[in-house]
Protein backbone atom coordinates (compact mmCIF):
# COMPACT_ATOMS: atom_id res chain seq x y z
CA MET A 1 -6.87 15.56 0.11
CA ARG A 2 -6.32 12.11 1.25
CA ALA A 3 -4.66 9.81 -1.51
CA MET A 4 -5.34 6.25 0.00
CA PRO A 5 -9.20 5.75 -1.00
CA PHE A 6 -8.16 6.58 -4.54
CA ALA A 7 -5.37 4.25 -4.53
CA ILE A 8 -7.42 1.51 -3.34
CA ILE A 9 -9.78 1.95 -6.00
CA ILE A 10 -6.92 1.76 -8.59
CA VAL A 11 -5.59 -1.34 -6.91
CA ILE A 12 -8.94 -3.08 -7.03
CA GLY A 13 -9.52 -2.30 -10.80
CA TRP A 14 -5.73 -3.35 -11.58
CA LEU A 15 -6.12 -6.68 -9.53
CA TYR A 16 -9.20 -7.48 -11.52
CA VAL A 17 -7.52 -6.99 -14.72
CA THR A 18 -4.62 -9.00 -13.83
CA VAL A 19 -6.73 -11.95 -12.61
CA LEU A 20 -8.36 -11.79 -15.85
CA VAL A 21 -5.04 -11.73 -17.83
CA ALA A 22 -3.62 -14.62 -15.58
CA ALA A 23 -6.59 -16.85 -16.43
CA ASN A 24 -6.03 -16.56 -19.93
CA GLU A 25 -2.59 -17.59 -19.58
CA PRO A 26 -1.72 -21.03 -21.27
CA THR A 27 -0.32 -22.79 -17.95
CA ILE A 28 -1.05 -22.22 -14.29
CA THR A 29 2.80 -21.13 -13.67
CA SER A 30 2.63 -18.51 -16.51
CA GLY A 31 -0.69 -17.33 -14.80
CA ILE A 32 0.58 -17.10 -11.35
CA ILE A 33 3.78 -15.38 -12.56
CA SER A 34 1.83 -12.88 -14.76
CA PHE A 35 -0.40 -12.26 -11.67
CA LEU A 36 2.53 -11.62 -9.35
CA PHE A 37 4.72 -9.41 -11.68
CA TYR A 38 1.70 -7.72 -13.23
CA GLY A 39 -0.63 -7.52 -10.26
CA ALA A 40 0.58 -7.86 -6.89
CA LEU A 41 4.22 -6.54 -6.91
CA PRO A 42 2.72 -2.98 -8.71
CA CYS A 43 0.02 -3.01 -6.45
CA GLY A 44 2.14 -3.40 -3.30
CA ILE A 45 4.28 -0.37 -4.62
CA ILE A 46 1.32 1.72 -5.21
CA LEU A 47 -0.08 1.16 -1.79
CA TYR A 48 3.30 1.59 0.06
CA LEU A 49 3.84 5.03 -1.65
CA SER A 50 0.30 6.28 -1.20
CA GLY A 51 0.56 5.49 2.61
CA SER A 52 4.06 7.11 2.83
CA LYS A 53 2.47 10.50 3.84
CA ILE A 54 0.27 8.68 6.49
CA ARG A 55 3.21 6.67 8.09
CA ARG A 56 5.47 10.04 8.38
CA GLN A 57 2.29 11.76 10.05
CA ARG A 58 2.04 8.98 12.68
CA LYS A 59 5.56 8.92 13.32
CA ARG A 60 5.74 12.64 13.95
CA TYR A 61 2.69 12.48 16.03
CA ARG A 62 4.30 9.72 18.09
CA GLU A 63 7.61 11.64 18.37
CA MET A 64 5.40 14.74 19.62
CA MET A 65 3.56 12.54 22.13
CA ALA A 66 6.78 11.06 23.44
CA GLU A 67 8.24 14.56 23.84
CA ARG A 68 5.07 15.89 25.73
CA ASN A 69 5.31 12.90 28.05
CA LYS A 70 8.81 13.53 28.96
CA GLU A 71 7.94 17.31 29.61
CA ASN A 72 5.33 16.20 31.85
CA ASP A 73 7.46 13.47 33.67
CA ALA A 74 10.10 15.98 34.20
CA ASP A 75 7.56 18.26 36.09
């Protein structure tokens, strides 16, 4: 089961909520700060963590292909 599509849905929903919260802040500065700390930072963490398995698989694949190329070059 792939976790990335579910993480993207969660991120979109959370960003929508934080934009609405930031729009209701009394000043622009507090709106930007609340969006960054309640919206962008948690969403970045969620996307990073949900993509870690994919990054590991890609790294393993690249290492496997490099090893295979070494074996073919040695022949």
